[in-house]
């Protein structure tokens, strides 16, 4: 039996029998992903019903299927080809989606108006339940994602709200679903006003979003709005104010595009590739081994040996150091800019993180660049150390937002990577905004210290990973993914060292007063 098979079996048995940090210290795992099957005949029947509401436009569609071509061939469903051709002028690339694209867009009424001679300036909002033109739309081999906004006061019959900004509504549909061990997964309550349209819908608040999850045509969809489960405020959307916006969005959903692709297979977890040659100096603590007592409500970390994607490390150059930016280490451990690395995914914060035992956590990992070498000849500036794109991806970010998210949407992945602490004004000026494509390794900013304002945190990068599940986009521990990517950057395999003992002392970065009560510490840190 070869070495890889022995390693795989040993790791698998260890994961079953000894689910502890370091149970299989020599190997990292790739994620397990389920592939869905689309009920395309049901899609065509619903599309026929929607299009027939406008008899004049219905004549433009051919619903008779063509034989002698595979079901995955677009020619087998000419009505979808015709639909994609029409809607791609508004939602570019919509035909790339292998799942039916549901959007709050009345296709039949819009194109009926155009056919009757309506001007090119015809307002989309009128045909999108008063939602603005899409802030973001991306369709790829795994599915699609879109963001729409509803302005304050827009929409007939909407209740007044205290929140004074546009409400952003996100929708995702995916043929790929990541299989997480998720103690909170599948929960929620039915939504009575929508029960007839979405019989299996469930509404729940999770990780800072109210989410509406449902299955249509065999595919999971999630509509979500970022909100606080609290009293209404002018600058923060309360979830109770988000409910009617989400329900307006959901009631307006129509088939806007998408087309069949070849059937997908489930993707089984496997041993992740890593360098074989050892690094002379890179060491790291196990995943889940956070600084003692630094977790929310004094809980520990979340051990996860999954490398969720094979990425390029997010800092341009080594060395780099993954450490807490909010809890002081003992002097005997040396400076923060040193090995070994340490996980801080479940470090105490006010952010909900379902994978952390306390229910709250940091959501990601803090990374500091190394100091400029004393003999540097490349003009190294300690305040201009580059951050790069970890994959070929699409940017999700509205103007003035503090976070930039990169999304990968391929035949084998539907995953997001979020970067924080770069200055929003600089990101705006450099065009790091919705829909921009970036290439792996492309510089997208510099390591900075922005958190609500310049100098709001220490100089570091916060990096996190989200994957698509039946509960929508969930944060997963990025630590193993980062260790693996750093090993490729330095071309050497790191050495895992034992868990760290001893207490932690909280320092600086006080939490906002309105959320500090969520966690059992007096002081914590920003992302």
Protein backbone atom coordinates (compact mmCIF):
# COMPACT_ATOMS: atom_id res chain seq x y z
CA UNK A 1 0.00 0.00 0.00
CA UNK A 2 1.51 3.35 -1.00
CA UNK A 3 2.41 6.12 1.41
CA UNK A 4 -0.43 8.46 0.35
CA UNK A 5 -3.09 5.77 0.90
CA UNK A 6 -1.68 4.89 4.33
CA UNK A 7 -1.64 8.59 5.23
CA UNK A 8 -5.21 9.02 4.03
CA UNK A 9 -6.53 6.02 6.00
CA UNK A 10 -4.65 7.05 9.15
CA UNK A 11 -5.93 10.60 8.91
CA UNK A 12 -9.50 9.42 8.28
CA UNK A 13 -9.44 7.09 11.29
CA UNK A 14 -7.92 9.82 13.47
CA UNK A 15 -10.66 12.26 12.46
CA UNK A 16 -13.33 9.70 13.41
CA UNK A 17 -11.80 8.39 16.62
CA UNK A 18 -9.86 11.36 17.94
CA UNK A 19 -11.41 14.68 16.78
CA UNK A 20 -8.84 16.82 18.55
CA UNK A 21 -6.35 19.48 17.44
CA UNK A 22 -3.32 17.75 16.01
CA UNK A 23 -5.09 14.36 15.63
CA UNK A 24 -3.72 14.24 12.09
CA UNK A 25 -1.04 16.89 12.31
CA UNK A 26 0.83 15.84 9.16
CA UNK A 27 -2.05 16.31 6.73
CA UNK A 28 -4.48 19.02 5.74
CA UNK A 29 -7.77 18.25 3.99
CA UNK A 30 -9.62 19.71 1.02
CA UNK A 31 -13.32 20.52 1.55
CA UNK A 32 -16.18 18.12 0.88
CA UNK A 33 -18.69 19.63 -1.58
CA UNK A 34 -22.07 18.33 -2.74
CA UNK A 35 -23.26 18.94 -6.30
CA UNK A 36 -26.97 19.59 -6.86
CA UNK A 37 -29.18 18.49 -9.76
CA UNK A 38 -31.39 21.06 -11.53
CA UNK A 39 -34.99 20.24 -12.47
CA UNK A 40 -34.88 22.09 -15.79
CA UNK A 41 -38.30 20.94 -17.01
CA UNK A 42 -39.88 22.61 -14.00
CA UNK A 43 -37.86 25.75 -14.83
CA UNK A 44 -39.29 25.82 -18.35
CA UNK A 45 -42.83 25.38 -17.08
CA UNK A 46 -42.53 28.30 -14.66
CA UNK A 47 -40.87 30.44 -17.34
CA UNK A 48 -43.74 29.67 -19.72
CA UNK A 49 -46.23 30.85 -17.12
CA UNK A 50 -44.32 34.05 -16.45
CA UNK A 51 -43.84 34.88 -20.15
CA UNK A 52 -47.46 34.12 -21.08
CA UNK A 53 -48.52 36.99 -18.82
CA UNK A 54 -47.49 39.20 -21.76
CA UNK A 55 -48.85 37.54 -24.96
CA UNK A 56 -46.98 39.91 -27.28
CA UNK A 57 -43.58 39.00 -25.86
CA UNK A 58 -44.47 35.29 -25.54
CA UNK A 59 -44.26 34.97 -29.34
CA UNK A 60 -40.50 35.56 -29.07
CA UNK A 61 -39.98 32.27 -27.20
CA UNK A 62 -39.78 28.69 -28.43
CA UNK A 63 -40.67 26.16 -25.76
CA UNK A 64 -40.61 23.07 -27.96
CA UNK A 65 -37.46 21.15 -27.06
CA UNK A 66 -35.06 20.01 -29.74
CA UNK A 67 -34.33 16.32 -29.79
CA UNK A 68 -31.11 14.51 -30.65
CA UNK A 69 -29.01 16.80 -28.46
CA UNK A 70 -27.94 16.10 -24.86
CA UNK A 71 -30.00 17.70 -22.09
CA UNK A 72 -26.90 19.71 -21.13
CA UNK A 73 -26.77 21.27 -24.61
CA UNK A 74 -28.32 24.79 -24.62
CA UNK A 75 -30.10 23.91 -27.87
CA UNK A 76 -32.25 21.42 -25.95
CA UNK A 77 -34.07 24.35 -24.36
CA UNK A 78 -34.27 27.19 -26.90
CA UNK A 79 -36.52 29.30 -24.66
CA UNK A 80 -33.66 29.64 -22.17
CA UNK A 81 -31.21 30.61 -24.91
CA UNK A 82 -33.67 33.31 -26.03
CA UNK A 83 -34.19 34.49 -22.44
CA UNK A 84 -30.44 34.75 -21.79
CA UNK A 85 -29.96 36.74 -24.99
CA UNK A 86 -32.55 39.26 -23.84
CA UNK A 87 -31.50 39.64 -20.20
CA UNK A 88 -27.73 39.58 -20.79
CA UNK A 89 -27.92 43.25 -21.82
CA UNK A 90 -28.89 44.01 -18.21
CA UNK A 91 -27.16 41.15 -16.36
CA UNK A 92 -23.94 40.45 -18.30
CA UNK A 93 -22.84 36.84 -18.44
CA UNK A 94 -26.14 35.49 -17.10
CA UNK A 95 -25.95 32.45 -19.41
CA UNK A 96 -22.85 31.23 -17.52
CA UNK A 97 -25.00 30.23 -14.54
CA UNK A 98 -25.66 26.46 -14.40
CA UNK A 99 -28.63 27.13 -12.10
CA UNK A 100 -31.82 29.08 -12.81
CA UNK A 101 -31.15 32.75 -12.06
CA UNK A 102 -33.94 34.13 -9.87
CA UNK A 103 -34.00 37.93 -9.66
CA UNK A 104 -36.62 40.57 -8.77
CA UNK A 105 -36.94 41.38 -12.46
CA UNK A 106 -40.19 41.20 -14.47
CA UNK A 107 -38.67 40.13 -17.78
CA UNK A 108 -41.93 39.84 -19.70
CA UNK A 109 -43.25 43.28 -18.74
CA UNK A 110 -39.91 45.00 -19.33
CA UNK A 111 -39.37 43.63 -22.82
CA UNK A 112 -43.04 44.08 -23.69
CA UNK A 113 -42.60 47.79 -22.92
CA UNK A 114 -39.43 47.91 -25.04
CA UNK A 115 -41.20 46.17 -27.88
CA UNK A 116 -43.95 48.77 -27.73
CA UNK A 117 -41.39 51.53 -28.27
CA UNK A 118 -40.39 52.53 -24.75
CA UNK A 119 -37.17 54.60 -24.70
CA UNK A 120 -33.73 53.23 -23.89
CA UNK A 121 -33.88 55.25 -20.69
CA UNK A 122 -36.75 53.09 -19.43
CA UNK A 123 -36.39 52.86 -15.65
CA UNK A 124 -35.39 49.41 -14.45
CA UNK A 125 -36.71 50.14 -10.95
CA UNK A 126 -40.26 50.06 -12.28
CA UNK A 127 -39.71 46.40 -13.28
CA UNK A 128 -37.64 45.45 -10.22
CA UNK A 129 -40.20 46.05 -7.47
CA UNK A 130 -38.61 49.51 -6.99
CA UNK A 131 -35.16 48.07 -6.31
CA UNK A 132 -32.31 49.96 -7.98
CA UNK A 133 -30.36 48.45 -10.89
CA UNK A 134 -28.16 45.67 -9.56
CA UNK A 135 -25.19 46.91 -7.55
CA UNK A 136 -23.46 43.59 -8.26
CA UNK A 137 -24.17 40.62 -10.50
CA UNK A 138 -21.86 37.70 -11.18
CA UNK A 139 -22.68 34.39 -12.83
CA UNK A 140 -20.16 31.59 -13.15
CA UNK A 141 -19.78 27.85 -13.31
CA UNK A 142 -20.94 27.32 -9.70
CA UNK A 143 -24.01 29.58 -9.78
CA UNK A 144 -24.73 33.25 -9.38
CA UNK A 145 -24.70 36.07 -6.83
CA UNK A 146 -26.35 39.49 -6.95
CA UNK A 147 -26.86 42.55 -4.76
CA UNK A 148 -29.78 44.99 -5.10
CA UNK A 149 -30.66 48.05 -3.01
CA UNK A 150 -33.91 49.68 -1.92
CA UNK A 151 -33.72 53.42 -1.28
CA UNK A 152 -35.35 54.94 1.83
CA UNK A 153 -38.98 55.71 1.03
CA UNK A 154 -39.02 53.59 -2.14
CA UNK A 155 -41.70 50.98 -2.70
CA UNK A 156 -45.45 51.43 -2.45
CA UNK A 157 -46.91 50.13 0.77
CA UNK A 158 -43.58 49.75 2.56
CA UNK A 159 -43.57 50.66 6.27
CA UNK A 160 -41.54 53.66 7.35
CA UNK A 161 -38.14 52.87 8.78
CA UNK A 162 -35.63 54.60 11.00
CA UNK A 163 -32.59 53.40 9.06
CA UNK A 164 -31.60 56.24 6.73
CA UNK A 165 -29.50 54.44 4.08
CA UNK A 166 -30.37 52.13 1.17
CA UNK A 167 -30.93 48.52 2.26
CA UNK A 168 -28.71 46.03 0.40
CA UNK A 169 -30.27 42.65 -0.40
CA UNK A 170 -28.06 39.74 -1.48
CA UNK A 171 -29.18 36.61 -3.33
CA UNK A 172 -27.14 33.52 -4.19
CA UNK A 173 -28.00 30.26 -5.91
CA UNK A 174 -25.40 27.53 -6.20
CA UNK A 175 -24.98 24.11 -7.75
CA UNK A 176 -22.17 23.53 -5.21
CA UNK A 177 -22.87 23.28 -1.48
CA UNK A 178 -20.05 22.96 1.06
CA UNK A 179 -20.56 20.17 3.57
CA UNK A 180 -19.77 21.64 6.97
CA UNK A 181 -20.15 20.02 10.36
CA UNK A 182 -22.64 22.67 11.42
CA UNK A 183 -24.40 22.48 14.77
CA UNK A 184 -26.59 25.48 13.87
CA UNK A 185 -27.44 24.44 10.31
CA UNK A 186 -30.96 23.92 9.03
CA UNK A 187 -32.74 25.95 11.69
CA UNK A 188 -35.28 28.69 11.14
CA UNK A 189 -38.97 29.57 11.17
CA UNK A 190 -41.55 29.51 8.35
CA UNK A 191 -42.59 32.80 6.72
CA UNK A 192 -46.40 32.71 6.53
CA UNK A 193 -46.88 35.50 3.94
CA UNK A 194 -44.57 33.59 1.57
CA UNK A 195 -45.62 30.02 2.35
CA UNK A 196 -47.61 29.54 -0.87
CA UNK A 197 -44.75 30.76 -3.10
CA UNK A 198 -41.94 29.11 -1.06
CA UNK A 199 -43.31 26.11 0.88
CA UNK A 200 -39.98 25.10 2.41
CA UNK A 201 -38.71 28.60 3.22
CA UNK A 202 -37.15 29.26 6.62
CA UNK A 203 -36.11 32.59 8.09
CA UNK A 204 -33.34 32.92 10.65
CA UNK A 205 -30.76 35.41 11.90
CA UNK A 206 -27.22 34.12 11.65
CA UNK A 207 -23.75 35.70 11.69
CA UNK A 208 -25.14 39.23 11.43
CA UNK A 209 -27.64 38.62 8.61
CA UNK A 210 -31.32 37.82 8.44
CA UNK A 211 -31.52 34.98 5.93
CA UNK A 212 -34.31 33.42 3.90
CA UNK A 213 -33.30 29.95 2.70
CA UNK A 214 -35.37 27.91 0.25
CA UNK A 215 -35.06 25.26 -2.43
CA UNK A 216 -36.42 25.75 -5.96
CA UNK A 217 -35.89 23.42 -8.93
CA UNK A 218 -33.61 21.28 -6.73
CA UNK A 219 -31.22 24.19 -6.05
CA UNK A 220 -30.62 25.97 -2.71
CA UNK A 221 -31.06 29.75 -2.72
CA UNK A 222 -30.48 32.23 0.10
CA UNK A 223 -31.63 35.85 0.28
CA UNK A 224 -29.92 37.82 3.05
CA UNK A 225 -29.67 41.32 4.53
CA UNK A 226 -27.01 42.46 7.00
CA UNK A 227 -28.73 43.74 10.14
CA UNK A 228 -28.68 43.93 13.93
CA UNK A 229 -31.18 42.06 16.05
CA UNK A 230 -31.75 45.18 18.16
CA UNK A 231 -33.66 48.44 18.42
CA UNK A 232 -34.01 50.63 15.33
CA UNK A 233 -31.33 53.28 14.71
CA UNK A 234 -30.67 55.77 11.90
CA UNK A 235 -27.18 54.36 11.16
CA UNK A 236 -27.74 50.65 11.78
CA UNK A 237 -30.45 48.57 10.17
CA UNK A 238 -32.52 46.56 12.63
CA UNK A 239 -33.53 43.10 11.47
CA UNK A 240 -37.21 43.88 12.07
CA UNK A 241 -36.85 46.69 9.50
CA UNK A 242 -35.16 44.28 7.08
CA UNK A 243 -38.02 41.76 7.07
CA UNK A 244 -40.43 43.71 4.83
CA UNK A 245 -37.61 44.62 2.42
CA UNK A 246 -36.58 40.98 2.05
CA UNK A 247 -40.18 39.83 1.61
CA UNK A 248 -40.78 42.45 -1.09
CA UNK A 249 -37.67 41.16 -2.86
CA UNK A 250 -38.73 37.52 -2.58
CA UNK A 251 -42.27 38.12 -3.85
CA UNK A 252 -40.82 39.76 -6.98
CA UNK A 253 -38.46 36.89 -7.94
CA UNK A 254 -38.77 35.69 -11.54
CA UNK A 255 -36.64 33.48 -13.81
CA UNK A 256 -34.14 35.79 -15.49
CA UNK A 257 -31.72 33.32 -17.09
CA UNK A 258 -29.28 30.45 -16.66
CA UNK A 259 -28.85 27.33 -18.76
CA UNK A 260 -28.13 23.61 -18.32
CA UNK A 261 -24.59 22.33 -17.94
CA UNK A 262 -23.13 18.86 -17.74
CA UNK A 263 -24.07 17.01 -14.54
CA UNK A 264 -21.60 17.55 -11.71
CA UNK A 265 -20.20 14.99 -9.32
CA UNK A 266 -19.83 15.46 -5.60
CA UNK A 267 -16.30 16.48 -4.61
CA UNK A 268 -14.92 14.28 -1.83
CA UNK A 269 -12.48 15.57 0.75
CA UNK A 270 -8.90 14.53 0.05
CA UNK A 271 -5.40 15.10 1.39
CA UNK A 272 -4.32 18.63 0.44
CA UNK A 273 -1.11 19.11 -1.49
CA UNK A 274 1.77 20.65 0.46
CA UNK A 275 5.52 21.07 -0.06
CA UNK A 276 7.54 18.06 1.01
CA UNK A 277 10.82 19.84 1.77
CA UNK A 278 10.82 21.19 5.33
CA UNK A 279 11.14 24.90 5.99
CA UNK A 280 14.20 25.74 8.10
CA UNK A 281 12.28 28.11 10.39
CA UNK A 282 8.48 28.25 9.78
CA UNK A 283 6.53 26.85 12.73
CA UNK A 284 2.87 27.10 13.68
CA UNK A 285 0.49 26.10 16.46
CA UNK A 286 -2.35 23.71 15.55
CA UNK A 287 -5.64 25.00 14.20
CA UNK A 288 -7.99 25.80 17.07
CA UNK A 289 -5.15 26.44 19.51
CA UNK A 290 -5.97 30.07 20.32
CA UNK A 291 -4.34 31.99 23.17
CA UNK A 292 -5.69 30.64 26.46
CA UNK A 293 -8.81 32.50 27.69
CA UNK A 294 -8.94 34.68 24.57
CA UNK A 295 -12.10 33.07 23.23
CA UNK A 296 -15.59 34.46 23.74
CA UNK A 297 -16.95 33.50 27.18
CA UNK A 298 -13.53 31.87 27.83
CA UNK A 299 -14.28 29.13 25.28
CA UNK A 300 -11.55 27.60 23.16
CA UNK A 301 -10.93 27.69 19.43
CA UNK A 302 -12.34 25.71 16.52
CA UNK A 303 -9.94 23.09 15.15
CA UNK A 304 -10.30 22.75 11.39
CA UNK A 305 -7.62 21.14 9.21
CA UNK A 306 -9.46 22.03 5.98
CA UNK A 307 -7.59 24.03 3.36
CA UNK A 308 -10.72 25.50 1.77
CA UNK A 309 -8.96 26.63 -1.40
CA UNK A 310 -5.48 26.49 -2.87
CA UNK A 311 -4.72 30.20 -2.78
CA UNK A 312 -1.79 32.51 -3.24
CA UNK A 313 -0.79 33.94 0.16
CA UNK A 314 -2.47 37.39 0.57
CA UNK A 315 0.72 39.31 1.43
CA UNK A 316 3.15 39.82 -1.42
CA UNK A 317 6.28 38.80 0.44
CA UNK A 318 7.52 36.65 3.28
CA UNK A 319 8.11 36.70 6.12
CA UNK A 320 4.63 37.23 7.52
CA UNK A 321 3.24 36.43 10.94
CA UNK A 322 -0.23 35.24 11.90
CA UNK A 323 -0.91 36.30 15.48
CA UNK A 324 -3.53 37.91 17.67
CA UNK A 325 -3.63 41.70 17.44
CA UNK A 326 -5.82 42.04 20.53
CA UNK A 327 -4.33 39.84 23.25
CA UNK A 328 -0.84 40.28 24.62
CA UNK A 329 1.44 37.26 24.66
CA UNK A 330 3.75 36.54 27.55
CA UNK A 331 7.20 38.12 27.19
CA UNK A 332 8.80 34.70 27.16
CA UNK A 333 7.03 33.95 23.87
CA UNK A 334 8.96 36.65 22.02
CA UNK A 335 7.63 39.45 19.84
CA UNK A 336 4.43 39.24 17.78
CA UNK A 337 6.52 39.47 14.61
CA UNK A 338 7.93 35.98 14.98
CA UNK A 339 7.16 32.30 14.49
CA UNK A 340 5.27 30.23 15.53
CA UNK A 341 1.96 31.32 14.03
CA UNK A 342 -1.23 31.09 16.07
CA UNK A 343 -4.90 30.77 15.15
CA UNK A 344 -7.30 33.53 16.30
CA UNK A 345 -10.50 32.67 14.38
CA UNK A 346 -12.53 32.20 17.59
CA UNK A 347 -10.85 34.99 19.54
CA UNK A 348 -13.40 37.06 21.47
CA UNK A 349 -15.32 39.64 19.44
CA UNK A 350 -18.93 40.73 19.19
CA UNK A 351 -19.34 39.05 15.78
CA UNK A 352 -21.48 35.94 15.55
CA UNK A 353 -19.53 32.91 14.32
CA UNK A 354 -21.52 29.69 14.28
CA UNK A 355 -18.44 27.45 14.16
CA UNK A 356 -17.07 28.85 17.44
CA UNK A 357 -18.23 27.19 20.66
CA UNK A 358 -19.20 30.51 22.25
CA UNK A 359 -21.25 31.54 19.20
CA UNK A 360 -19.03 34.60 18.79
CA UNK A 361 -15.59 35.11 17.34
CA UNK A 362 -13.19 37.04 15.18
CA UNK A 363 -14.38 35.56 11.84
CA UNK A 364 -10.87 35.50 10.38
CA UNK A 365 -7.13 35.64 10.97
CA UNK A 366 -4.84 38.61 11.67
CA UNK A 367 -1.58 38.73 9.69
CA UNK A 368 1.36 41.11 10.09
CA UNK A 369 4.11 41.59 7.51
CA UNK A 370 7.72 41.24 8.53
CA UNK A 371 9.90 44.30 9.02
CA UNK A 372 11.88 45.66 6.09
CA UNK A 373 15.33 44.02 5.99
CA UNK A 374 18.13 46.29 7.18
CA UNK A 375 19.97 45.72 3.90
CA UNK A 376 16.87 46.13 1.71
CA UNK A 377 17.70 47.24 -1.83
CA UNK A 378 14.18 47.21 -3.29
CA UNK A 379 12.91 50.41 -1.66
CA UNK A 380 10.95 48.58 1.04
CA UNK A 381 8.60 50.94 2.90
CA UNK A 382 7.17 49.46 6.13
CA UNK A 383 3.94 51.39 5.53
CA UNK A 384 3.54 50.26 1.92
CA UNK A 385 3.79 46.48 2.13
CA UNK A 386 1.64 45.02 -0.62
CA UNK A 387 -1.54 42.97 -0.31
CA UNK A 388 -2.37 40.80 -3.33
CA UNK A 389 -5.35 38.89 -4.72
CA UNK A 390 -5.28 35.27 -3.59
CA UNK A 391 -7.06 33.99 -6.72
CA UNK A 392 -8.41 35.12 -10.07
CA UNK A 393 -11.70 36.53 -8.78
CA UNK A 394 -14.43 39.19 -8.84
CA UNK A 395 -14.56 42.07 -6.33
CA UNK A 396 -17.65 42.57 -4.17
CA UNK A 397 -17.48 46.01 -2.58
CA UNK A 398 -19.62 49.16 -2.58
CA UNK A 399 -18.04 52.64 -2.27
CA UNK A 400 -16.80 53.56 1.23
CA UNK A 401 -17.14 50.02 2.58
CA UNK A 402 -14.31 49.01 4.91
CA UNK A 403 -14.03 45.46 3.56
CA UNK A 404 -13.16 44.16 0.12
CA UNK A 405 -14.38 40.68 -0.77
CA UNK A 406 -13.00 38.57 -3.63
CA UNK A 407 -15.26 35.82 -4.98
CA UNK A 408 -14.25 32.67 -6.86
CA UNK A 409 -17.00 30.99 -8.90
CA UNK A 410 -15.77 27.95 -10.87
CA UNK A 411 -16.81 24.38 -11.66
CA UNK A 412 -15.27 23.19 -8.37
CA UNK A 413 -15.49 26.19 -6.01
CA UNK A 414 -17.90 28.84 -4.74
CA UNK A 415 -15.86 30.65 -2.11
CA UNK A 416 -15.17 34.19 -0.86
CA UNK A 417 -12.12 35.88 0.68
CA UNK A 418 -12.49 39.10 2.66
CA UNK A 419 -9.74 41.67 3.32
CA UNK A 420 -10.02 44.34 6.00
CA UNK A 421 -8.20 47.46 7.28
CA UNK A 422 -7.26 49.11 3.98
CA UNK A 423 -8.46 52.73 3.75
CA UNK A 424 -11.89 52.93 1.99
CA UNK A 425 -11.09 56.19 0.21
CA UNK A 426 -7.93 54.68 -1.25
CA UNK A 427 -9.81 51.56 -2.36
CA UNK A 428 -12.45 53.79 -4.01
CA UNK A 429 -9.79 55.81 -5.82
CA UNK A 430 -8.10 52.64 -7.07
CA UNK A 431 -11.37 51.19 -8.36
CA UNK A 432 -11.57 48.22 -6.00
CA UNK A 433 -15.34 48.12 -6.45
CA UNK A 434 -18.22 45.82 -7.40
CA UNK A 435 -17.62 43.74 -10.50
CA UNK A 436 -13.93 44.42 -11.01
CA UNK A 437 -11.92 41.36 -12.01
CA UNK A 438 -8.53 40.81 -10.39
CA UNK A 439 -5.82 38.30 -11.21
CA UNK A 440 -4.06 36.05 -8.71
CA UNK A 441 -1.04 37.90 -7.33
CA UNK A 442 -2.28 41.33 -8.47
CA UNK A 443 -1.63 44.10 -5.94
CA UNK A 444 -4.92 45.37 -4.49
CA UNK A 445 -3.64 47.52 -1.60
CA UNK A 446 -1.18 47.81 1.26
CA UNK A 447 -1.24 46.60 4.85
CA UNK A 448 -2.98 49.37 6.78
CA UNK A 449 -4.63 50.27 10.10
CA UNK A 450 -8.11 51.54 9.17
CA UNK A 451 -11.04 50.60 11.43
CA UNK A 452 -13.86 53.18 11.26
CA UNK A 453 -11.09 55.78 10.90
CA UNK A 454 -7.33 55.93 10.15
CA UNK A 455 -5.20 54.51 12.99
CA UNK A 456 -8.27 52.68 14.32
CA UNK A 457 -6.35 49.45 14.81
CA UNK A 458 -2.82 48.09 14.60
CA UNK A 459 -1.16 47.77 11.19
CA UNK A 460 -2.19 44.32 9.96
CA UNK A 461 -4.40 42.48 7.48
CA UNK A 462 -7.57 40.76 8.61
CA UNK A 463 -8.26 37.88 6.21
CA UNK A 464 -11.22 35.53 6.26
CA UNK A 465 -12.98 32.86 4.19
CA UNK A 466 -16.67 32.21 3.52
CA UNK A 467 -18.20 29.23 1.71
CA UNK A 468 -21.71 28.69 0.35
CA UNK A 469 -23.98 26.38 2.37
CA UNK A 470 -27.73 25.77 2.66
CA UNK A 471 -27.67 28.55 5.27
CA UNK A 472 -25.98 30.92 2.83
CA UNK A 473 -22.44 32.29 3.10
CA UNK A 474 -20.81 31.20 6.38
CA UNK A 475 -17.43 32.02 7.88
CA UNK A 476 -15.02 29.11 8.21
CA UNK A 477 -11.63 29.00 9.88
CA UNK A 478 -9.03 30.30 7.36
CA UNK A 479 -6.00 29.32 9.43
CA UNK A 480 -5.16 26.02 7.69
CA UNK A 481 -5.80 27.60 4.27
CA UNK A 482 -3.28 30.33 5.15
CA UNK A 483 -0.68 27.92 6.54
CA UNK A 484 -0.89 25.90 3.33
CA UNK A 485 -0.60 28.98 1.11
CA UNK A 486 2.34 30.34 3.11
CA UNK A 487 4.16 27.04 2.74
CA UNK A 488 3.82 27.36 -1.04
CA UNK A 489 5.06 30.97 -0.90
CA UNK A 490 8.21 30.01 1.03
CA UNK A 491 8.48 26.62 -0.72
CA UNK A 492 8.85 24.76 2.52
CA UNK A 493 6.67 22.71 4.83
CA UNK A 494 6.14 24.19 8.27
CA UNK A 495 6.49 22.33 11.53
CA UNK A 496 3.50 22.11 13.85
CA UNK A 497 4.32 22.59 17.52
CA UNK A 498 2.27 21.78 20.61
CA UNK A 499 -0.62 23.74 22.10
CA UNK A 500 0.22 26.88 24.02
CA UNK A 501 -0.40 26.99 27.80
CA UNK A 502 -0.91 30.01 30.00
CA UNK A 503 -3.31 32.95 30.37
CA UNK A 504 -3.83 35.89 28.04
CA UNK A 505 -4.11 39.60 28.80
CA UNK A 506 -6.50 41.72 26.76
CA UNK A 507 -5.01 44.89 25.32
CA UNK A 508 -6.17 48.00 23.42
CA UNK A 509 -8.83 47.94 20.67
CA UNK A 510 -11.83 48.45 22.96
CA UNK A 511 -15.08 47.08 21.55
CA UNK A 512 -17.93 49.49 20.71
CA UNK A 513 -20.09 50.11 23.78
CA UNK A 514 -23.26 48.90 22.06
CA UNK A 515 -21.89 45.41 21.38
CA UNK A 516 -19.37 44.81 24.16
CA UNK A 517 -21.96 43.01 26.28
CA UNK A 518 -21.96 40.09 23.86
CA UNK A 519 -18.65 38.72 25.07
CA UNK A 520 -17.21 38.00 28.44
CA UNK A 521 -14.18 40.31 28.38
CA UNK A 522 -13.62 43.95 29.25
CA UNK A 523 -11.48 44.74 26.21
CA UNK A 524 -11.15 43.03 22.84
CA UNK A 525 -9.93 43.80 19.34
CA UNK A 526 -11.12 45.01 16.00
CA UNK A 527 -11.05 42.69 13.04
